[in-house]
């Protein structure tokens, strides 16, 4: 009930609309590229570590893409 009340405001709906392309993309990337649809280990500490490795991988890939974009000379 509290969630529905919160989501009724226009400000919150706008915030969630902005969140989609930013946050959900990395979740989808981790699922599709890394195949992390379910965890391969048991235990909260091990699952946490597996998720940290997945996030680190995503961030490194993103950094590599940004680095390549900034070092590529633009043709004018």
PDB file of N, CA and C in Angstrom:
ATOM      1  N   UNK A   1       0.813  -1.193   0.000  1.00  0.00           N
ATOM      2  CA  UNK A   1       0.000   0.000   0.000  1.00  0.00           C
ATOM      3  C   UNK A   1       0.862   1.264   0.000  1.00  0.00           C
ATOM      4  N   UNK A   2       1.935   1.257   0.806  1.00  0.00           N
ATOM      5  CA  UNK A   2       2.813   2.426   0.862  1.00  0.00           C
ATOM      6  C   UNK A   2       3.514   2.637  -0.481  1.00  0.00           C
ATOM      7  N   UNK A   3       3.885   1.527  -1.151  1.00  0.00           N
ATOM      8  CA  UNK A   3       4.552   1.636  -2.449  1.00  0.00           C
ATOM      9  C   UNK A   3       3.620   2.267  -3.474  1.00  0.00           C
ATOM     10  N   UNK A   4       2.373   1.844  -3.501  1.00  0.00           N
ATOM     11  CA  UNK A   4       1.409   2.416  -4.459  1.00  0.00           C
ATOM     12  C   UNK A   4       1.197   3.895  -4.205  1.00  0.00           C
ATOM     13  N   UNK A   5       1.146   4.266  -2.936  1.00  0.00           N
ATOM     14  CA  UNK A   5       0.967   5.670  -2.587  1.00  0.00           C
ATOM     15  C   UNK A   5       2.176   6.482  -3.040  1.00  0.00           C
ATOM     16  N   UNK A   6       3.365   5.932  -2.822  1.00  0.00           N
ATOM     17  CA  UNK A   6       4.599   6.614  -3.239  1.00  0.00           C
ATOM     18  C   UNK A   6       4.647   6.746  -4.758  1.00  0.00           C
ATOM     19  N   UNK A   7       4.274   5.689  -5.466  1.00  0.00           N
ATOM     20  CA  UNK A   7       4.353   5.694  -6.931  1.00  0.00           C
ATOM     21  C   UNK A   7       3.289   6.580  -7.573  1.00  0.00           C
ATOM     22  N   UNK A   8       2.296   7.009  -6.811  1.00  0.00           N
ATOM     23  CA  UNK A   8       1.233   7.856  -7.367  1.00  0.00           C
ATOM     24  C   UNK A   8       1.731   9.268  -7.661  1.00  0.00           C
ATOM     25  N   UNK A   9       2.788   9.703  -7.014  1.00  0.00           N
ATOM     26  CA  UNK A   9       3.269  11.066  -7.247  1.00  0.00           C
ATOM     27  C   UNK A   9       4.042  11.140  -8.569  1.00  0.00           C
ATOM     28  N   UNK A  10       3.905  12.265  -9.226  1.00  0.00           N
ATOM     29  CA  UNK A  10       4.552  12.462 -10.521  1.00  0.00           C
ATOM     30  C   UNK A  10       6.065  12.506 -10.429  1.00  0.00           C
ATOM     31  N   UNK A  11       6.578  13.049  -9.330  1.00  0.00           N
ATOM     32  CA  UNK A  11       8.035  13.153  -9.155  1.00  0.00           C
ATOM     33  C   UNK A  11       8.681  11.773  -9.098  1.00  0.00           C
ATOM     34  N   UNK A  12       8.070  10.862  -8.361  1.00  0.00           N
ATOM     35  CA  UNK A  12       8.618   9.511  -8.236  1.00  0.00           C
ATOM     36  C   UNK A  12       8.530   8.776  -9.569  1.00  0.00           C
ATOM     37  N   UNK A  13       7.442   8.946 -10.282  1.00  0.00           N
ATOM     38  CA  UNK A  13       7.308   8.301 -11.599  1.00  0.00           C
ATOM     39  C   UNK A  13       8.367   8.801 -12.557  1.00  0.00           C
ATOM     40  N   UNK A  14       8.653  10.085 -12.513  1.00  0.00           N
ATOM     41  CA  UNK A  14       9.694  10.643 -13.381  1.00  0.00           C
ATOM     42  C   UNK A  14      11.068  10.084 -13.009  1.00  0.00           C
ATOM     43  N   UNK A  15      11.320   9.942 -11.715  1.00  0.00           N
ATOM     44  CA  UNK A  15      12.594   9.393 -11.251  1.00  0.00           C
ATOM     45  C   UNK A  15      12.761   7.951 -11.730  1.00  0.00           C
ATOM     46  N   UNK A  16      11.710   7.155 -11.640  1.00  0.00           N
ATOM     47  CA  UNK A  16      11.782   5.767 -12.083  1.00  0.00           C
ATOM     48  C   UNK A  16      11.935   5.675 -13.597  1.00  0.00           C
ATOM     49  N   UNK A  17      11.344   6.616 -14.326  1.00  0.00           N
ATOM     50  CA  UNK A  17      11.502   6.636 -15.784  1.00  0.00           C
ATOM     51  C   UNK A  17      12.957   6.895 -16.165  1.00  0.00           C
ATOM     52  N   UNK A  18      13.640   7.777 -15.425  1.00  0.00           N
ATOM     53  CA  UNK A  18      15.058   8.052 -15.687  1.00  0.00           C
ATOM     54  C   UNK A  18      15.934   6.882 -15.269  1.00  0.00           C
ATOM     55  N   UNK A  19      15.509   6.165 -14.231  1.00  0.00           N
ATOM     56  CA  UNK A  19      16.304   5.072 -13.682  1.00  0.00           C
ATOM     57  C   UNK A  19      16.425   3.917 -14.669  1.00  0.00           C
ATOM     58  N   UNK A  20      15.385   3.636 -15.408  1.00  0.00           N
ATOM     59  CA  UNK A  20      15.341   2.486 -16.302  1.00  0.00           C
ATOM     60  C   UNK A  20      16.545   2.341 -17.215  1.00  0.00           C
ATOM     61  N   UNK A  21      16.785   3.313 -18.098  1.00  0.00           N
ATOM     62  CA  UNK A  21      17.899   3.164 -19.039  1.00  0.00           C
ATOM     63  C   UNK A  21      19.265   3.116 -18.365  1.00  0.00           C
ATOM     64  N   UNK A  22      19.387   3.728 -17.203  1.00  0.00           N
ATOM     65  CA  UNK A  22      20.686   3.791 -16.543  1.00  0.00           C
ATOM     66  C   UNK A  22      20.976   2.522 -15.759  1.00  0.00           C
ATOM     67  N   UNK A  23      20.095   2.177 -14.856  1.00  0.00           N
ATOM     68  CA  UNK A  23      20.348   1.075 -13.928  1.00  0.00           C
ATOM     69  C   UNK A  23      20.039  -0.277 -14.542  1.00  0.00           C
ATOM     70  N   UNK A  24      18.939  -0.372 -15.238  1.00  0.00           N
ATOM     71  CA  UNK A  24      18.512  -1.675 -15.726  1.00  0.00           C
ATOM     72  C   UNK A  24      19.420  -2.211 -16.829  1.00  0.00           C
ATOM     73  N   UNK A  25      20.115  -1.333 -17.549  1.00  0.00           N
ATOM     74  CA  UNK A  25      21.011  -1.799 -18.606  1.00  0.00           C
ATOM     75  C   UNK A  25      22.129  -2.661 -18.039  1.00  0.00           C
ATOM     76  N   UNK A  26      22.737  -2.235 -16.940  1.00  0.00           N
ATOM     77  CA  UNK A  26      23.846  -3.017 -16.392  1.00  0.00           C
ATOM     78  C   UNK A  26      23.348  -4.362 -15.870  1.00  0.00           C
ATOM     79  N   UNK A  27      22.147  -4.413 -15.309  1.00  0.00           N
ATOM     80  CA  UNK A  27      21.587  -5.696 -14.877  1.00  0.00           C
ATOM     81  C   UNK A  27      21.377  -6.625 -16.074  1.00  0.00           C
ATOM     82  N   UNK A  28      20.833  -6.074 -17.153  1.00  0.00           N
ATOM     83  CA  UNK A  28      20.615  -6.878 -18.358  1.00  0.00           C
ATOM     84  C   UNK A  28      21.942  -7.340 -18.957  1.00  0.00           C
ATOM     85  N   UNK A  29      22.959  -6.478 -18.943  1.00  0.00           N
ATOM     86  CA  UNK A  29      24.271  -6.829 -19.486  1.00  0.00           C
ATOM     87  C   UNK A  29      24.880  -7.975 -18.697  1.00  0.00           C
ATOM     88  N   UNK A  30      24.806  -7.897 -17.380  1.00  0.00           N
ATOM     89  CA  UNK A  30      25.359  -8.955 -16.533  1.00  0.00           C
ATOM     90  C   UNK A  30      24.634 -10.274 -16.796  1.00  0.00           C
ATOM     91  N   UNK A  31      23.327 -10.210 -16.977  1.00  0.00           N
ATOM     92  CA  UNK A  31      22.569 -11.437 -17.254  1.00  0.00           C
ATOM     93  C   UNK A  31      22.922 -12.017 -18.617  1.00  0.00           C
ATOM     94  N   UNK A  32      22.995 -11.156 -19.641  1.00  0.00           N
ATOM     95  CA  UNK A  32      23.185 -11.684 -20.995  1.00  0.00           C
ATOM     96  C   UNK A  32      24.646 -12.000 -21.306  1.00  0.00           C
ATOM     97  N   UNK A  33      25.546 -11.078 -21.014  1.00  0.00           N
ATOM     98  CA  UNK A  33      26.951 -11.272 -21.382  1.00  0.00           C
ATOM     99  C   UNK A  33      27.691 -12.217 -20.444  1.00  0.00           C
ATOM    100  N   UNK A  34      27.401 -12.134 -19.154  1.00  0.00           N
ATOM    101  CA  UNK A  34      28.091 -12.985 -18.188  1.00  0.00           C
ATOM    102  C   UNK A  34      27.315 -14.263 -17.878  1.00  0.00           C
ATOM    103  N   UNK A  35      26.081 -14.318 -18.339  1.00  0.00           N
ATOM    104  CA  UNK A  35      25.268 -15.519 -18.091  1.00  0.00           C
ATOM    105  C   UNK A  35      24.915 -15.702 -16.628  1.00  0.00           C
ATOM    106  N   UNK A  36      24.869 -14.618 -15.886  1.00  0.00           N
ATOM    107  CA  UNK A  36      24.603 -14.717 -14.453  1.00  0.00           C
ATOM    108  C   UNK A  36      23.097 -14.620 -14.215  1.00  0.00           C
ATOM    109  N   UNK A  37      22.398 -15.686 -14.570  1.00  0.00           N
ATOM    110  CA  UNK A  37      20.957 -15.741 -14.336  1.00  0.00           C
ATOM    111  C   UNK A  37      20.660 -16.367 -12.978  1.00  0.00           C
ATOM    112  N   UNK A  38      21.588 -17.137 -12.494  1.00  0.00           N
ATOM    113  CA  UNK A  38      21.505 -17.648 -11.127  1.00  0.00           C
ATOM    114  C   UNK A  38      22.937 -17.799 -10.627  1.00  0.00           C
ATOM    115  N   UNK A  39      23.095 -17.774  -9.327  1.00  0.00           N
ATOM    116  CA  UNK A  39      24.431 -17.826  -8.764  1.00  0.00           C
ATOM    117  C   UNK A  39      24.980 -19.246  -8.803  1.00  0.00           C
ATOM    118  N   UNK A  40      26.286 -19.347  -8.905  1.00  0.00           N
ATOM    119  CA  UNK A  40      26.943 -20.638  -9.023  1.00  0.00           C
ATOM    120  C   UNK A  40      27.472 -21.150  -7.696  1.00  0.00           C
ATOM    121  N   UNK A  41      27.246 -20.405  -6.632  1.00  0.00           N
ATOM    122  CA  UNK A  41      27.762 -20.762  -5.306  1.00  0.00           C
ATOM    123  C   UNK A  41      26.624 -20.712  -4.297  1.00  0.00           C
ATOM    124  N   UNK A  42      26.911 -21.204  -3.104  1.00  0.00           N
ATOM    125  CA  UNK A  42      25.934 -21.148  -2.013  1.00  0.00           C
ATOM    126  C   UNK A  42      26.514 -20.330  -0.874  1.00  0.00           C
ATOM    127  N   UNK A  43      25.633 -19.699  -0.149  1.00  0.00           N
ATOM    128  CA  UNK A  43      26.061 -18.901   0.988  1.00  0.00           C
ATOM    129  C   UNK A  43      26.089 -17.428   0.634  1.00  0.00           C
ATOM    130  N   UNK A  44      25.641 -16.614   1.562  1.00  0.00           N
ATOM    131  CA  UNK A  44      25.516 -15.183   1.302  1.00  0.00           C
ATOM    132  C   UNK A  44      26.857 -14.525   0.994  1.00  0.00           C
ATOM    133  N   UNK A  45      27.907 -14.889   1.707  1.00  0.00           N
ATOM    134  CA  UNK A  45      29.224 -14.282   1.457  1.00  0.00           C
ATOM    135  C   UNK A  45      29.726 -14.626   0.055  1.00  0.00           C
ATOM    136  N   UNK A  46      29.543 -15.875  -0.349  1.00  0.00           N
ATOM    137  CA  UNK A  46      30.021 -16.294  -1.676  1.00  0.00           C
ATOM    138  C   UNK A  46      29.188 -15.650  -2.785  1.00  0.00           C
ATOM    139  N   UNK A  47      27.882 -15.560  -2.574  1.00  0.00           N
ATOM    140  CA  UNK A  47      27.016 -14.905  -3.562  1.00  0.00           C
ATOM    141  C   UNK A  47      27.385 -13.433  -3.684  1.00  0.00           C
ATOM    142  N   UNK A  48      27.637 -12.800  -2.547  1.00  0.00           N
ATOM    143  CA  UNK A  48      28.053 -11.405  -2.549  1.00  0.00           C
ATOM    144  C   UNK A  48      29.343 -11.241  -3.359  1.00  0.00           C
ATOM    145  N   UNK A  49      30.292 -12.137  -3.155  1.00  0.00           N
ATOM    146  CA  UNK A  49      31.565 -12.056  -3.875  1.00  0.00           C
ATOM    147  C   UNK A  49      31.357 -12.273  -5.375  1.00  0.00           C
ATOM    148  N   UNK A  50      30.509 -13.213  -5.739  1.00  0.00           N
ATOM    149  CA  UNK A  50      30.246 -13.457  -7.158  1.00  0.00           C
ATOM    150  C   UNK A  50      29.615 -12.225  -7.806  1.00  0.00           C
ATOM    151  N   UNK A  51      28.704 -11.576  -7.090  1.00  0.00           N
ATOM    152  CA  UNK A  51      28.071 -10.375  -7.626  1.00  0.00           C
ATOM    153  C   UNK A  51      29.075  -9.232  -7.727  1.00  0.00           C
ATOM    154  N   UNK A  52      29.964  -9.111  -6.751  1.00  0.00           N
ATOM    155  CA  UNK A  52      31.009  -8.083  -6.826  1.00  0.00           C
ATOM    156  C   UNK A  52      31.903  -8.296  -8.047  1.00  0.00           C
ATOM    157  N   UNK A  53      32.261  -9.546  -8.332  1.00  0.00           N
ATOM    158  CA  UNK A  53      33.079  -9.837  -9.518  1.00  0.00           C
ATOM    159  C   UNK A  53      32.325  -9.471 -10.793  1.00  0.00           C
ATOM    160  N   UNK A  54      31.032  -9.758 -10.836  1.00  0.00           N
ATOM    161  CA  UNK A  54      30.230  -9.422 -12.014  1.00  0.00           C
ATOM    162  C   UNK A  54      30.172  -7.913 -12.204  1.00  0.00           C
ATOM    163  N   UNK A  55      29.970  -7.175 -11.126  1.00  0.00           N
ATOM    164  CA  UNK A  55      29.916  -5.713 -11.220  1.00  0.00           C
ATOM    165  C   UNK A  55      31.272  -5.133 -11.609  1.00  0.00           C
ATOM    166  N   UNK A  56      32.331  -5.695 -11.074  1.00  0.00           N
ATOM    167  CA  UNK A  56      33.675  -5.251 -11.440  1.00  0.00           C
ATOM    168  C   UNK A  56      33.922  -5.480 -12.933  1.00  0.00           C
ATOM    169  N   UNK A  57      33.511  -6.629 -13.427  1.00  0.00           N
ATOM    170  CA  UNK A  57      33.658  -6.932 -14.848  1.00  0.00           C
ATOM    171  C   UNK A  57      32.897  -5.932 -15.701  1.00  0.00           C
ATOM    172  N   UNK A  58      31.653  -5.640 -15.310  1.00  0.00           N
ATOM    173  CA  UNK A  58      30.855  -4.661 -16.053  1.00  0.00           C
ATOM    174  C   UNK A  58      31.543  -3.297 -16.049  1.00  0.00           C
ATOM    175  N   UNK A  59      32.009  -2.859 -14.884  1.00  0.00           N
ATOM    176  CA  UNK A  59      32.646  -1.545 -14.787  1.00  0.00           C
ATOM    177  C   UNK A  59      33.931  -1.471 -15.601  1.00  0.00           C
ATOM    178  N   UNK A  60      34.707  -2.544 -15.612  1.00  0.00           N
ATOM    179  CA  UNK A  60      35.933  -2.562 -16.421  1.00  0.00           C
ATOM    180  C   UNK A  60      35.608  -2.501 -17.912  1.00  0.00           C
ATOM    181  N   UNK A  61      34.615  -3.259 -18.336  1.00  0.00           N
ATOM    182  CA  UNK A  61      34.201  -3.226 -19.741  1.00  0.00           C
ATOM    183  C   UNK A  61      33.728  -1.827 -20.126  1.00  0.00           C
ATOM    184  N   UNK A  62      32.964  -1.201 -19.252  1.00  0.00           N
ATOM    185  CA  UNK A  62      32.466   0.149 -19.503  1.00  0.00           C
ATOM    186  C   UNK A  62      33.631   1.128 -19.591  1.00  0.00           C
ATOM    187  N   UNK A  63      34.592   1.008 -18.687  1.00  0.00           N
ATOM    188  CA  UNK A  63      35.773   1.879 -18.692  1.00  0.00           C
ATOM    189  C   UNK A  63      36.576   1.691 -19.979  1.00  0.00           C
ATOM    190  N   UNK A  64      36.744   0.447 -20.417  1.00  0.00           N
ATOM    191  CA  UNK A  64      37.477   0.167 -21.656  1.00  0.00           C
ATOM    192  C   UNK A  64      36.773   0.821 -22.841  1.00  0.00           C
ATOM    193  N   UNK A  65      35.437   0.696 -22.904  1.00  0.00           N
ATOM    194  CA  UNK A  65      34.683   1.332 -23.991  1.00  0.00           C
ATOM    195  C   UNK A  65      34.863   2.838 -23.969  1.00  0.00           C
ATOM    196  N   UNK A  66      34.790   3.445 -22.791  1.00  0.00           N
ATOM    197  CA  UNK A  66      34.967   4.898 -22.692  1.00  0.00           C
ATOM    198  C   UNK A  66      36.371   5.322 -23.086  1.00  0.00           C
ATOM    199  N   UNK A  67      37.360   4.533 -22.699  1.00  0.00           N
ATOM    200  CA  UNK A  67      38.745   4.844 -23.038  1.00  0.00           C
ATOM    201  C   UNK A  67      38.959   4.787 -24.545  1.00  0.00           C
ATOM    202  N   UNK A  68      38.393   3.770 -25.175  1.00  0.00           N
ATOM    203  CA  UNK A  68      38.535   3.664 -26.635  1.00  0.00           C
ATOM    204  C   UNK A  68      37.839   4.822 -27.336  1.00  0.00           C
ATOM    205  N   UNK A  69      36.686   5.233 -26.832  1.00  0.00           N
ATOM    206  CA  UNK A  69      35.971   6.337 -27.455  1.00  0.00           C
ATOM    207  C   UNK A  69      36.735   7.646 -27.322  1.00  0.00           C
ATOM    208  N   UNK A  70      37.361   7.865 -26.181  1.00  0.00           N
ATOM    209  CA  UNK A  70      38.052   9.139 -25.980  1.00  0.00           C
ATOM    210  C   UNK A  70      39.404   9.184 -26.691  1.00  0.00           C
ATOM    211  N   UNK A  71      40.008   8.022 -26.998  1.00  0.00           N
ATOM    212  CA  UNK A  71      41.304   8.038 -27.677  1.00  0.00           C
ATOM    213  C   UNK A  71      41.179   7.924 -29.182  1.00  0.00           C
ATOM    214  N   UNK A  72      40.011   7.592 -29.676  1.00  0.00           N
ATOM    215  CA  UNK A  72      39.811   7.488 -31.117  1.00  0.00           C
ATOM    216  C   UNK A  72      39.713   8.884 -31.714  1.00  0.00           C
ATOM    217  N   UNK A  73      40.598   9.193 -32.664  1.00  0.00           N
ATOM    218  CA  UNK A  73      40.535  10.533 -33.260  1.00  0.00           C
ATOM    219  C   UNK A  73      39.290  10.663 -34.116  1.00  0.00           C
ATOM    220  N   UNK A  74      38.656  11.808 -34.009  1.00  0.00           N
ATOM    221  CA  UNK A  74      37.453  12.029 -34.813  1.00  0.00           C
ATOM    222  C   UNK A  74      37.855  12.530 -36.196  1.00  0.00           C
ATOM    223  N   UNK A  75      37.201  12.011 -37.199  1.00  0.00           N
ATOM    224  CA  UNK A  75      37.486  12.384 -38.583  1.00  0.00           C
ATOM    225  C   UNK A  75      36.548  13.523 -38.948  1.00  0.00           C
ATOM    226  N   UNK A  76      37.128  14.647 -39.358  1.00  0.00           N
ATOM    227  CA  UNK A  76      36.296  15.795 -39.746  1.00  0.00           C
ATOM    228  C   UNK A  76      36.514  16.169 -41.160  1.00  0.00           C
TER     229      UNK A  76
END
